[in-house]
Amino acid sequence: QVQLVESGGGLVQPGGSLRLSCAASGSIFSISTMTWYRAAPGKQRELVATITSGGSTNYVDSVKGRFTISRDNAKNTMYLQMNSLKPEDTAVYYCYMKDGRYGFLSYWGQGTQVTVSS
């Protein structure tokens, strides 16, 4: 009944920009935290950015100053604006959300591919 759908990935040149979206649908009334993860080829998934229900944000050091996470609570959607992209940003990006009403419930998206290459 609950699914997260990522969109906005694709192929971009170094220095370019992409905006990722993650929309939640189904039996979700509120979301506590929203998080973006990524997994580069052959590597484990790492946390990229997170945003709380109050709008507080945190980022992994490698993306600070380049990426911006935001959320639209009315739409149960979060975004990741990625600027000044580097080849090292190439990965599958996943969204993750924790249920605000039942904290033991959390949800993962299927992932969207981001490729940074000239």
C-alpha atoms as a PDB file:
ATOM      1  CA  GLN A   1       0.000   0.000   0.000  1.00  0.00           C
ATOM      2  CA  VAL A   2       2.949   2.335   0.593  1.00  0.00           C
ATOM      3  CA  GLN A   3       5.497   3.129  -2.049  1.00  0.00           C
ATOM      4  CA  LEU A   4       8.204   5.698  -2.643  1.00  0.00           C
ATOM      5  CA  VAL A   5       8.928   6.749  -6.210  1.00  0.00           C
ATOM      6  CA  GLU A   6      12.155   8.529  -7.124  1.00  0.00           C
ATOM      7  CA  SER A   7      12.557  10.571 -10.277  1.00  0.00           C
ATOM      8  CA  GLY A   8      14.943  13.053 -11.839  1.00  0.00           C
ATOM      9  CA  GLY A   9      18.017  10.914 -12.337  1.00  0.00           C
ATOM     10  CA  GLY A  10      19.934  10.720 -15.563  1.00  0.00           C
ATOM     11  CA  LEU A  11      23.192  11.461 -17.337  1.00  0.00           C
ATOM     12  CA  VAL A  12      24.850  14.818 -16.765  1.00  0.00           C
ATOM     13  CA  GLN A  13      28.260  16.341 -17.486  1.00  0.00           C
ATOM     14  CA  PRO A  14      30.648  17.246 -14.668  1.00  0.00           C
ATOM     15  CA  GLY A  15      29.669  20.607 -13.232  1.00  0.00           C
ATOM     16  CA  GLY A  16      26.049  20.133 -14.199  1.00  0.00           C
ATOM     17  CA  SER A  17      22.946  19.912 -12.052  1.00  0.00           C
ATOM     18  CA  LEU A  18      20.095  17.519 -11.384  1.00  0.00           C
ATOM     19  CA  ARG A  19      17.069  17.647  -9.126  1.00  0.00           C
ATOM     20  CA  LEU A  20      15.813  14.406  -7.620  1.00  0.00           C
ATOM     21  CA  SER A  21      12.304  13.937  -6.264  1.00  0.00           C
ATOM     22  CA  CYS A  22      10.853  11.261  -4.013  1.00  0.00           C
ATOM     23  CA  ALA A  23       7.088  11.064  -3.610  1.00  0.00           C
ATOM     24  CA  ALA A  24       5.347   8.850  -1.068  1.00  0.00           C
ATOM     25  CA  SER A  25       1.912   7.432  -1.737  1.00  0.00           C
ATOM     26  CA  GLY A  26      -0.424   5.097   0.104  1.00  0.00           C
ATOM     27  CA  SER A  27      -1.330   4.894   3.768  1.00  0.00           C
ATOM     28  CA  ILE A  28       1.064   7.572   4.966  1.00  0.00           C
ATOM     29  CA  PHE A  29      -0.334  10.445   6.989  1.00  0.00           C
ATOM     30  CA  SER A  30       2.919  12.068   8.047  1.00  0.00           C
ATOM     31  CA  ILE A  31       6.662  11.585   7.758  1.00  0.00           C
ATOM     32  CA  SER A  32       9.157  12.219  10.538  1.00  0.00           C
ATOM     33  CA  THR A  33      12.526  12.190   8.780  1.00  0.00           C
ATOM     34  CA  MET A  34      13.372  12.016   5.098  1.00  0.00           C
ATOM     35  CA  THR A  35      16.755  10.831   3.899  1.00  0.00           C
ATOM     36  CA  TRP A  36      18.681  10.380   0.664  1.00  0.00           C
ATOM     37  CA  TYR A  37      21.180   7.535   0.371  1.00  0.00           C
ATOM     38  CA  ARG A  38      23.372   6.516  -2.534  1.00  0.00           C
ATOM     39  CA  ALA A  39      25.280   3.424  -3.615  1.00  0.00           C
ATOM     40  CA  ALA A  40      28.173   3.709  -6.046  1.00  0.00           C
ATOM     41  CA  PRO A  41      29.098   0.616  -8.092  1.00  0.00           C
ATOM     42  CA  GLY A  42      30.699  -1.979  -5.850  1.00  0.00           C
ATOM     43  CA  LYS A  43      30.257   0.111  -2.714  1.00  0.00           C
ATOM     44  CA  GLN A  44      27.890   0.045   0.232  1.00  0.00           C
ATOM     45  CA  ARG A  45      25.043   2.464   0.547  1.00  0.00           C
ATOM     46  CA  GLU A  46      25.949   5.728   2.290  1.00  0.00           C
ATOM     47  CA  LEU A  47      23.850   8.503   3.762  1.00  0.00           C
ATOM     48  CA  VAL A  48      23.906  11.643   1.622  1.00  0.00           C
ATOM     49  CA  ALA A  49      21.471  14.045   3.271  1.00  0.00           C
ATOM     50  CA  THR A  50      18.655  14.022   5.788  1.00  0.00           C
ATOM     51  CA  ILE A  51      15.920  16.448   6.792  1.00  0.00           C
ATOM     52  CA  THR A  52      13.720  16.357   9.881  1.00  0.00           C
ATOM     53  CA  SER A  53      10.048  17.234  10.138  1.00  0.00           C
ATOM     54  CA  GLY A  54      11.107  20.636  11.452  1.00  0.00           C
ATOM     55  CA  GLY A  55      13.375  21.316   8.497  1.00  0.00           C
ATOM     56  CA  SER A  56      16.749  20.676  10.122  1.00  0.00           C
ATOM     57  CA  THR A  57      19.239  19.291   7.591  1.00  0.00           C
ATOM     58  CA  ASN A  58      22.486  17.345   7.625  1.00  0.00           C
ATOM     59  CA  TYR A  59      24.823  16.332   4.811  1.00  0.00           C
ATOM     60  CA  VAL A  60      27.762  14.069   4.261  1.00  0.00           C
ATOM     61  CA  ASP A  61      30.907  16.200   4.026  1.00  0.00           C
ATOM     62  CA  SER A  62      31.535  15.378   0.376  1.00  0.00           C
ATOM     63  CA  VAL A  63      28.325  17.105  -0.783  1.00  0.00           C
ATOM     64  CA  LYS A  64      28.167  20.091   1.560  1.00  0.00           C
ATOM     65  CA  GLY A  65      27.806  23.314  -0.373  1.00  0.00           C
ATOM     66  CA  ARG A  66      26.734  21.475  -3.524  1.00  0.00           C
ATOM     67  CA  PHE A  67      23.570  19.557  -2.573  1.00  0.00           C
ATOM     68  CA  THR A  68      20.402  20.868  -0.941  1.00  0.00           C
ATOM     69  CA  ILE A  69      17.694  18.673   0.572  1.00  0.00           C
ATOM     70  CA  SER A  70      14.155  19.983   1.016  1.00  0.00           C
ATOM     71  CA  ARG A  71      10.664  18.663   1.675  1.00  0.00           C
ATOM     72  CA  ASP A  72       7.034  19.444   0.985  1.00  0.00           C
ATOM     73  CA  ASN A  73       5.019  17.955   3.824  1.00  0.00           C
ATOM     74  CA  ALA A  74       1.673  18.565   2.132  1.00  0.00           C
ATOM     75  CA  LYS A  75       2.784  16.394  -0.780  1.00  0.00           C
ATOM     76  CA  ASN A  76       4.804  13.861   1.242  1.00  0.00           C
ATOM     77  CA  THR A  77       7.663  14.609  -1.102  1.00  0.00           C
ATOM     78  CA  MET A  78      11.338  15.390  -0.686  1.00  0.00           C
ATOM     79  CA  TYR A  79      13.868  16.762  -3.122  1.00  0.00           C
ATOM     80  CA  LEU A  80      17.600  16.768  -3.623  1.00  0.00           C
ATOM     81  CA  GLN A  81      19.023  19.631  -5.654  1.00  0.00           C
ATOM     82  CA  MET A  82      22.479  18.585  -6.852  1.00  0.00           C
ATOM     83  CA  ASN A  83      24.800  21.237  -8.257  1.00  0.00           C
ATOM     84  CA  SER A  84      28.432  21.150  -9.370  1.00  0.00           C
ATOM     85  CA  LEU A  85      28.189  17.423  -9.913  1.00  0.00           C
ATOM     86  CA  LYS A  86      31.356  15.350  -9.986  1.00  0.00           C
ATOM     87  CA  PRO A  87      32.058  11.888 -11.429  1.00  0.00           C
ATOM     88  CA  GLU A  88      32.352  10.601  -7.862  1.00  0.00           C
ATOM     89  CA  ASP A  89      28.666  11.431  -7.400  1.00  0.00           C
ATOM     90  CA  THR A  90      27.767   8.665  -9.847  1.00  0.00           C
ATOM     91  CA  ALA A  91      25.545   6.220  -7.972  1.00  0.00           C
ATOM     92  CA  VAL A  92      22.064   4.899  -7.538  1.00  0.00           C
ATOM     93  CA  TYR A  93      20.229   7.303  -5.254  1.00  0.00           C
ATOM     94  CA  TYR A  94      17.604   5.966  -2.847  1.00  0.00           C
ATOM     95  CA  CYS A  95      15.039   7.782  -0.745  1.00  0.00           C
ATOM     96  CA  TYR A  96      14.093   6.645   2.744  1.00  0.00           C
ATOM     97  CA  MET A  97      11.253   7.855   4.950  1.00  0.00           C
ATOM     98  CA  LYS A  98      10.220   7.048   8.491  1.00  0.00           C
ATOM     99  CA  ASP A  99       6.549   7.023   9.383  1.00  0.00           C
ATOM    100  CA  GLY A 100       5.631   9.913  11.644  1.00  0.00           C
ATOM    101  CA  ARG A 101       2.742   8.136  13.314  1.00  0.00           C
ATOM    102  CA  TYR A 102       4.322   4.680  13.697  1.00  0.00           C
ATOM    103  CA  GLY A 103       8.031   5.119  14.136  1.00  0.00           C
ATOM    104  CA  PHE A 104       8.765   1.425  13.706  1.00  0.00           C
ATOM    105  CA  LEU A 105       7.649   1.689  10.069  1.00  0.00           C
ATOM    106  CA  SER A 106       9.999   2.937   7.388  1.00  0.00           C
ATOM    107  CA  TYR A 107      10.074   2.839   3.611  1.00  0.00           C
ATOM    108  CA  TRP A 108      12.633   2.635   0.807  1.00  0.00           C
ATOM    109  CA  GLY A 109      12.373   3.670  -2.807  1.00  0.00           C
ATOM    110  CA  GLN A 110      13.613   1.600  -5.735  1.00  0.00           C
ATOM    111  CA  GLY A 111      16.414   4.007  -6.581  1.00  0.00           C
ATOM    112  CA  THR A 112      17.231   6.291  -9.484  1.00  0.00           C
ATOM    113  CA  GLN A 113      20.489   6.251 -11.446  1.00  0.00           C
ATOM    114  CA  VAL A 114      22.674   9.356 -11.527  1.00  0.00           C
ATOM    115  CA  THR A 115      25.631   9.249 -13.905  1.00  0.00           C
ATOM    116  CA  VAL A 116      28.132  12.113 -14.083  1.00  0.00           C
ATOM    117  CA  SER A 117      30.392  11.752 -17.102  1.00  0.00           C
ATOM    118  CA  SER A 118      31.811  13.777 -19.964  1.00  0.00           C
END
